[in-house]
Amino acid sequence: MKKVGKRKIISVSIISITVLILIGVYLYAKFKLKLGNGNSKLEMVYYSSQILSSIFVIAGVVIAVWQYFITAKSQLNQINIDRIQKAIDLSEYYKDNILHKSTPIRFVYEQSGIMELVKNVNKDNMVQFEEAEACRLLDKDKFDELKAKTKTKYFSNVVLAADYIWS
């Protein structure tokens, strides 16, 4: 509501300034003509129209810059809104798909010994939670040990036990 009020005030101010300048140009031209300094009426109209067109060009530039700033501010607000919406969507995804599975996953990792391998990984670098990322974040020996542990019969039994416990 305030922005609409500011816009009206600015628009009325620009129109008022333009009208005052027009009146000033008219009075100046009339005063100059009465003094009779050798300028013809056509020449005074020409000068007046040049001044008036310059004023309108300047007003157009001011309005264009003003619109640019309004649009830029709007775009920044939209980017912030999109960022917040993505964070909300991601939190809903974690709530629905990951958080309720964290206890069984921790159980499997602790029982199979995988937790010892991944506890030193920088969690800030984890994004995709996939094999290629694990290969990038772990050194080769730990990654090979991780792959070997996930292929053992003991690991399968731990996963089955977690499934039995948490259904």
C-alpha atoms as a PDB file:
ATOM      1  CA  MET A   1       0.000   0.000   0.000  1.00  0.00           C
ATOM      2  CA  LYS A   2       2.853   2.387   0.815  1.00  0.00           C
ATOM      3  CA  LYS A   3       4.537   1.713  -2.527  1.00  0.00           C
ATOM      4  CA  VAL A   4       1.415   2.723  -4.414  1.00  0.00           C
ATOM      5  CA  GLY A   5       1.317   5.956  -2.401  1.00  0.00           C
ATOM      6  CA  LYS A   6       4.986   6.672  -3.153  1.00  0.00           C
ATOM      7  CA  ARG A   7       4.437   6.006  -6.838  1.00  0.00           C
ATOM      8  CA  LYS A   8       1.500   8.419  -6.923  1.00  0.00           C
ATOM      9  CA  ILE A   9       3.511  11.092  -5.136  1.00  0.00           C
ATOM     10  CA  ILE A  10       6.442  10.688  -7.529  1.00  0.00           C
ATOM     11  CA  SER A  11       4.174  10.724 -10.588  1.00  0.00           C
ATOM     12  CA  VAL A  12       2.324  13.835  -9.415  1.00  0.00           C
ATOM     13  CA  SER A  13       5.656  15.487  -8.608  1.00  0.00           C
ATOM     14  CA  ILE A  14       7.032  14.793 -12.091  1.00  0.00           C
ATOM     15  CA  ILE A  15       3.871  16.077 -13.758  1.00  0.00           C
ATOM     16  CA  SER A  16       3.843  19.180 -11.517  1.00  0.00           C
ATOM     17  CA  ILE A  17       7.485  19.954 -12.250  1.00  0.00           C
ATOM     18  CA  THR A  18       6.868  19.537 -15.970  1.00  0.00           C
ATOM     19  CA  VAL A  19       3.846  21.874 -15.882  1.00  0.00           C
ATOM     20  CA  LEU A  20       5.788  24.456 -13.863  1.00  0.00           C
ATOM     21  CA  ILE A  21       8.670  24.308 -16.337  1.00  0.00           C
ATOM     22  CA  LEU A  22       6.240  24.718 -19.242  1.00  0.00           C
ATOM     23  CA  ILE A  23       4.708  27.775 -17.597  1.00  0.00           C
ATOM     24  CA  GLY A  24       8.181  29.128 -16.896  1.00  0.00           C
ATOM     25  CA  VAL A  25       9.275  28.599 -20.490  1.00  0.00           C
ATOM     26  CA  TYR A  26       6.107  30.282 -21.746  1.00  0.00           C
ATOM     27  CA  LEU A  27       6.514  33.267 -19.423  1.00  0.00           C
ATOM     28  CA  TYR A  28      10.203  33.546 -20.261  1.00  0.00           C
ATOM     29  CA  ALA A  29       9.430  33.485 -23.985  1.00  0.00           C
ATOM     30  CA  LYS A  30       6.675  36.089 -23.565  1.00  0.00           C
ATOM     31  CA  PHE A  31       8.954  38.302 -21.496  1.00  0.00           C
ATOM     32  CA  LYS A  32      11.774  38.007 -24.043  1.00  0.00           C
ATOM     33  CA  LEU A  33       9.423  38.878 -26.881  1.00  0.00           C
ATOM     34  CA  LYS A  34       8.227  42.011 -25.072  1.00  0.00           C
ATOM     35  CA  LEU A  35      11.779  43.198 -24.602  1.00  0.00           C
ATOM     36  CA  GLY A  36      12.285  42.948 -28.327  1.00  0.00           C
ATOM     37  CA  ASN A  37      15.853  41.708 -28.457  1.00  0.00           C
ATOM     38  CA  GLY A  38      15.560  40.784 -32.114  1.00  0.00           C
ATOM     39  CA  ASN A  39      14.268  37.208 -31.764  1.00  0.00           C
ATOM     40  CA  SER A  40      11.313  36.319 -33.915  1.00  0.00           C
ATOM     41  CA  LYS A  41       8.297  34.482 -32.543  1.00  0.00           C
ATOM     42  CA  LEU A  42       9.173  31.419 -34.615  1.00  0.00           C
ATOM     43  CA  GLU A  43      12.662  31.362 -33.131  1.00  0.00           C
ATOM     44  CA  MET A  44      11.263  31.600 -29.600  1.00  0.00           C
ATOM     45  CA  VAL A  45       8.839  28.746 -30.302  1.00  0.00           C
ATOM     46  CA  TYR A  46      11.757  26.737 -31.636  1.00  0.00           C
ATOM     47  CA  TYR A  47      13.837  27.338 -28.504  1.00  0.00           C
ATOM     48  CA  SER A  48      10.869  26.653 -26.269  1.00  0.00           C
ATOM     49  CA  SER A  49      10.152  23.370 -28.039  1.00  0.00           C
ATOM     50  CA  GLN A  50      13.827  22.341 -27.728  1.00  0.00           C
ATOM     51  CA  ILE A  51      13.790  23.067 -24.014  1.00  0.00           C
ATOM     52  CA  LEU A  52      10.508  21.244 -23.596  1.00  0.00           C
ATOM     53  CA  SER A  53      11.687  18.176 -25.535  1.00  0.00           C
ATOM     54  CA  SER A  54      14.896  18.090 -23.462  1.00  0.00           C
ATOM     55  CA  ILE A  55      12.817  18.144 -20.296  1.00  0.00           C
ATOM     56  CA  PHE A  56      10.702  15.248 -21.549  1.00  0.00           C
ATOM     57  CA  VAL A  57      13.806  13.254 -22.518  1.00  0.00           C
ATOM     58  CA  ILE A  58      15.279  13.818 -19.062  1.00  0.00           C
ATOM     59  CA  ALA A  59      11.967  12.819 -17.450  1.00  0.00           C
ATOM     60  CA  GLY A  60      11.914   9.684 -19.642  1.00  0.00           C
ATOM     61  CA  VAL A  61      15.424   8.743 -18.533  1.00  0.00           C
ATOM     62  CA  VAL A  62      14.507   9.280 -14.882  1.00  0.00           C
ATOM     63  CA  ILE A  63      11.420   7.087 -15.268  1.00  0.00           C
ATOM     64  CA  ALA A  64      13.420   4.397 -17.110  1.00  0.00           C
ATOM     65  CA  VAL A  65      16.044   4.274 -14.355  1.00  0.00           C
ATOM     66  CA  TRP A  66      13.318   4.211 -11.742  1.00  0.00           C
ATOM     67  CA  GLN A  67      11.610   1.275 -13.505  1.00  0.00           C
ATOM     68  CA  TYR A  68      14.967  -0.520 -13.756  1.00  0.00           C
ATOM     69  CA  PHE A  69      15.480  -0.277 -10.011  1.00  0.00           C
ATOM     70  CA  ILE A  70      11.938  -1.443  -9.293  1.00  0.00           C
ATOM     71  CA  THR A  71      12.357  -4.409 -11.646  1.00  0.00           C
ATOM     72  CA  ALA A  72      15.758  -5.312 -10.196  1.00  0.00           C
ATOM     73  CA  LYS A  73      14.370  -5.204  -6.667  1.00  0.00           C
ATOM     74  CA  SER A  74      11.446  -7.361  -7.735  1.00  0.00           C
ATOM     75  CA  GLN A  75      13.785  -9.920  -9.322  1.00  0.00           C
ATOM     76  CA  LEU A  76      15.935 -10.075  -6.177  1.00  0.00           C
ATOM     77  CA  ASN A  77      12.817 -10.627  -4.086  1.00  0.00           C
ATOM     78  CA  GLN A  78      11.715 -13.403  -6.452  1.00  0.00           C
ATOM     79  CA  ILE A  79      15.139 -15.068  -6.197  1.00  0.00           C
ATOM     80  CA  ASN A  80      14.911 -14.970  -2.397  1.00  0.00           C
ATOM     81  CA  ILE A  81      11.399 -16.386  -2.497  1.00  0.00           C
ATOM     82  CA  ASP A  82      12.548 -19.202  -4.817  1.00  0.00           C
ATOM     83  CA  ARG A  83      15.496 -19.975  -2.514  1.00  0.00           C
ATOM     84  CA  ILE A  84      13.203 -20.166   0.498  1.00  0.00           C
ATOM     85  CA  GLN A  85      10.753 -22.377  -1.406  1.00  0.00           C
ATOM     86  CA  LYS A  86      13.570 -24.746  -2.405  1.00  0.00           C
ATOM     87  CA  ALA A  87      14.662 -24.971   1.224  1.00  0.00           C
ATOM     88  CA  ILE A  88      11.088 -25.760   2.264  1.00  0.00           C
ATOM     89  CA  ASP A  89      10.774 -28.413  -0.447  1.00  0.00           C
ATOM     90  CA  LEU A  90      14.093 -29.970   0.547  1.00  0.00           C
ATOM     91  CA  SER A  91      13.107 -30.066   4.212  1.00  0.00           C
ATOM     92  CA  GLU A  92       9.807 -31.760   3.293  1.00  0.00           C
ATOM     93  CA  TYR A  93      11.715 -34.300   1.197  1.00  0.00           C
ATOM     94  CA  TYR A  94      14.059 -35.062   4.104  1.00  0.00           C
ATOM     95  CA  LYS A  95      11.120 -35.326   6.482  1.00  0.00           C
ATOM     96  CA  ASP A  96       9.211 -37.687   4.207  1.00  0.00           C
ATOM     97  CA  ASN A  97      12.038 -39.792   2.778  1.00  0.00           C
ATOM     98  CA  ILE A  98      15.137 -39.657   4.958  1.00  0.00           C
ATOM     99  CA  LEU A  99      14.580 -38.794   8.621  1.00  0.00           C
ATOM    100  CA  HIS A 100      12.409 -41.772   9.484  1.00  0.00           C
ATOM    101  CA  LYS A 101      15.028 -44.044   7.896  1.00  0.00           C
ATOM    102  CA  SER A 102      17.985 -42.574   9.772  1.00  0.00           C
ATOM    103  CA  THR A 103      17.725 -44.871  12.799  1.00  0.00           C
ATOM    104  CA  PRO A 104      17.778 -48.127  10.791  1.00  0.00           C
ATOM    105  CA  ILE A 105      20.587 -46.767   8.612  1.00  0.00           C
ATOM    106  CA  ARG A 106      22.633 -45.821  11.686  1.00  0.00           C
ATOM    107  CA  PHE A 107      22.009 -49.306  13.103  1.00  0.00           C
ATOM    108  CA  VAL A 108      23.231 -50.945   9.896  1.00  0.00           C
ATOM    109  CA  TYR A 109      26.276 -48.672   9.674  1.00  0.00           C
ATOM    110  CA  GLU A 110      27.272 -49.242  13.310  1.00  0.00           C
ATOM    111  CA  GLN A 111      26.695 -53.003  13.285  1.00  0.00           C
ATOM    112  CA  SER A 112      28.536 -53.588   9.995  1.00  0.00           C
ATOM    113  CA  GLY A 113      31.491 -51.292  10.799  1.00  0.00           C
ATOM    114  CA  ILE A 114      30.758 -48.840   7.992  1.00  0.00           C
ATOM    115  CA  MET A 115      30.351 -45.995  10.500  1.00  0.00           C
ATOM    116  CA  GLU A 116      34.091 -46.169  11.292  1.00  0.00           C
ATOM    117  CA  LEU A 117      34.880 -45.672   7.599  1.00  0.00           C
ATOM    118  CA  VAL A 118      32.583 -42.704   6.939  1.00  0.00           C
ATOM    119  CA  LYS A 119      32.760 -40.805  10.226  1.00  0.00           C
ATOM    120  CA  ASN A 120      35.738 -38.668   9.057  1.00  0.00           C
ATOM    121  CA  VAL A 121      34.048 -37.587   5.809  1.00  0.00           C
ATOM    122  CA  ASN A 122      33.328 -33.861   5.577  1.00  0.00           C
ATOM    123  CA  LYS A 123      29.531 -33.796   5.645  1.00  0.00           C
ATOM    124  CA  ASP A 124      29.399 -30.331   4.034  1.00  0.00           C
ATOM    125  CA  ASN A 125      30.735 -31.844   0.797  1.00  0.00           C
ATOM    126  CA  MET A 126      28.011 -34.490   0.666  1.00  0.00           C
ATOM    127  CA  VAL A 127      25.281 -33.577  -1.812  1.00  0.00           C
ATOM    128  CA  GLN A 128      24.107 -36.527  -3.899  1.00  0.00           C
ATOM    129  CA  PHE A 129      24.719 -39.452  -1.475  1.00  0.00           C
ATOM    130  CA  GLU A 130      25.782 -41.728  -4.314  1.00  0.00           C
ATOM    131  CA  GLU A 131      28.657 -44.081  -5.088  1.00  0.00           C
ATOM    132  CA  ALA A 132      30.606 -41.616  -7.248  1.00  0.00           C
ATOM    133  CA  GLU A 133      30.465 -39.049  -4.470  1.00  0.00           C
ATOM    134  CA  ALA A 134      31.611 -41.610  -1.894  1.00  0.00           C
ATOM    135  CA  CYS A 135      34.530 -42.454  -4.175  1.00  0.00           C
ATOM    136  CA  ARG A 136      35.426 -38.771  -4.368  1.00  0.00           C
ATOM    137  CA  LEU A 137      35.141 -38.131  -0.613  1.00  0.00           C
ATOM    138  CA  LEU A 138      36.909 -41.278   0.632  1.00  0.00           C
ATOM    139  CA  ASP A 139      40.442 -42.326  -0.188  1.00  0.00           C
ATOM    140  CA  LYS A 140      40.791 -45.405  -2.411  1.00  0.00           C
ATOM    141  CA  ASP A 141      41.560 -47.892   0.399  1.00  0.00           C
ATOM    142  CA  LYS A 142      38.563 -46.840   2.503  1.00  0.00           C
ATOM    143  CA  PHE A 143      36.294 -46.830  -0.539  1.00  0.00           C
ATOM    144  CA  ASP A 144      37.399 -50.361  -1.503  1.00  0.00           C
ATOM    145  CA  GLU A 145      36.883 -51.494   2.101  1.00  0.00           C
ATOM    146  CA  LEU A 146      33.412 -49.920   2.089  1.00  0.00           C
ATOM    147  CA  LYS A 147      32.456 -51.754  -1.101  1.00  0.00           C
ATOM    148  CA  ALA A 148      33.820 -55.020   0.295  1.00  0.00           C
ATOM    149  CA  LYS A 149      31.854 -54.650   3.558  1.00  0.00           C
ATOM    150  CA  THR A 150      28.587 -54.043   1.710  1.00  0.00           C
ATOM    151  CA  LYS A 151      29.026 -57.314  -0.224  1.00  0.00           C
ATOM    152  CA  THR A 152      29.541 -59.591   2.789  1.00  0.00           C
ATOM    153  CA  LYS A 153      26.984 -61.994   4.208  1.00  0.00           C
ATOM    154  CA  TYR A 154      27.296 -60.275   7.600  1.00  0.00           C
ATOM    155  CA  PHE A 155      26.188 -56.961   6.070  1.00  0.00           C
ATOM    156  CA  SER A 156      23.176 -58.695   4.505  1.00  0.00           C
ATOM    157  CA  ASN A 157      22.264 -60.189   7.879  1.00  0.00           C
ATOM    158  CA  VAL A 158      22.510 -56.778   9.569  1.00  0.00           C
ATOM    159  CA  VAL A 159      20.231 -55.261   6.891  1.00  0.00           C
ATOM    160  CA  LEU A 160      17.731 -58.096   7.407  1.00  0.00           C
ATOM    161  CA  ALA A 161      17.865 -57.569  11.180  1.00  0.00           C
ATOM    162  CA  ALA A 162      17.186 -53.845  10.738  1.00  0.00           C
ATOM    163  CA  ASP A 163      14.300 -54.673   8.421  1.00  0.00           C
ATOM    164  CA  TYR A 164      12.891 -57.096  10.981  1.00  0.00           C
ATOM    165  CA  ILE A 165      13.250 -54.561  13.824  1.00  0.00           C
ATOM    166  CA  TRP A 166      11.831 -51.505  11.996  1.00  0.00           C
ATOM    167  CA  SER A 167       9.714 -53.285   9.397  1.00  0.00           C
END
